[in-house]
Amino acid sequence: AIKKNGITIDGRHFKVKFTVTLDYKALIKLIKRKSEDNESDEEMEGLCQRGLDTECCVFCKVI
């Protein structure tokens, strides 16, 4: 959402351009996580709720 809409900080709006690069291990863990639909919220808590407007922050516990 930040890449598409930009971000507003202290009343100033900024457009941000960036590229996300993942290493192979993080990519495999994200793909595996997305394919496991039957996980409960308690099992997902270790991966989620750490990134801003993201489903999972790859820089915390995925790697």
Protein backbone atom coordinates (compact mmCIF):
# COMPACT_ATOMS: atom_id res chain seq x y z
CA ALA A 1 0.00 0.00 0.00
CA ILE A 2 2.89 2.40 0.71
CA LYS A 3 4.39 1.81 -2.72
CA LYS A 4 1.05 2.45 -4.45
CA ASN A 5 -0.32 5.32 -2.34
CA GLY A 6 2.76 6.82 -0.73
CA ILE A 7 2.96 7.75 2.95
CA THR A 8 2.08 10.88 4.91
CA ILE A 9 4.38 11.93 7.75
CA ASP A 10 3.78 15.11 9.79
CA GLY A 11 1.34 16.39 7.18
CA ARG A 12 3.75 15.91 4.26
CA HIS A 13 3.00 13.28 1.61
CA PHE A 14 5.88 11.24 0.19
CA LYS A 15 5.92 8.93 -2.82
CA VAL A 16 8.20 5.96 -2.27
CA LYS A 17 9.78 3.70 -4.88
CA PHE A 18 11.43 0.50 -3.73
CA THR A 19 12.08 -3.10 -4.66
CA VAL A 20 11.58 -5.96 -2.23
CA THR A 21 14.22 -8.68 -2.42
CA LEU A 22 13.95 -11.93 -0.47
CA ASP A 23 16.48 -14.65 -0.04
CA TYR A 24 15.49 -18.18 -1.06
CA LYS A 25 14.90 -19.40 2.51
CA ALA A 26 12.48 -16.58 3.33
CA LEU A 27 10.62 -17.07 0.04
CA ILE A 28 10.13 -20.79 0.67
CA LYS A 29 8.86 -20.14 4.20
CA LEU A 30 6.39 -17.53 2.95
CA ILE A 31 5.10 -19.86 0.23
CA LYS A 32 4.75 -22.68 2.76
CA ARG A 33 2.96 -20.37 5.18
CA LYS A 34 0.47 -19.22 2.52
CA SER A 35 -0.32 -22.83 1.58
CA GLU A 36 -1.18 -23.85 5.15
CA ASP A 37 -4.75 -22.58 5.34
CA ASN A 38 -5.75 -24.63 8.39
CA GLU A 39 -3.43 -22.93 10.90
CA SER A 40 -4.98 -21.25 13.92
CA ASP A 41 -4.34 -17.64 14.91
CA GLU A 42 -2.12 -18.74 17.82
CA GLU A 43 0.24 -20.55 15.43
CA MET A 44 0.40 -17.50 13.14
CA GLU A 45 1.11 -15.01 15.94
CA GLY A 46 4.87 -15.57 15.76
CA LEU A 47 5.01 -14.39 12.14
CA CYS A 48 2.31 -11.76 11.85
CA GLN A 49 1.46 -8.39 13.38
CA ARG A 50 5.00 -7.02 13.15
CA GLY A 51 5.03 -5.28 9.79
CA LEU A 52 3.30 -2.09 8.70
CA ASP A 53 0.36 -2.87 6.39
CA THR A 54 1.77 -6.31 5.64
CA GLU A 55 0.60 -9.85 6.14
CA CYS A 56 4.00 -10.94 7.38
CA CYS A 57 7.25 -9.11 8.08
CA VAL A 58 10.03 -11.21 6.55
CA PHE A 59 12.70 -9.46 8.56
CA CYS A 60 11.63 -10.73 11.98
CA LYS A 61 11.04 -14.46 12.47
CA VAL A 62 10.70 -15.89 8.95
CA ILE A 63 14.41 -15.77 8.18
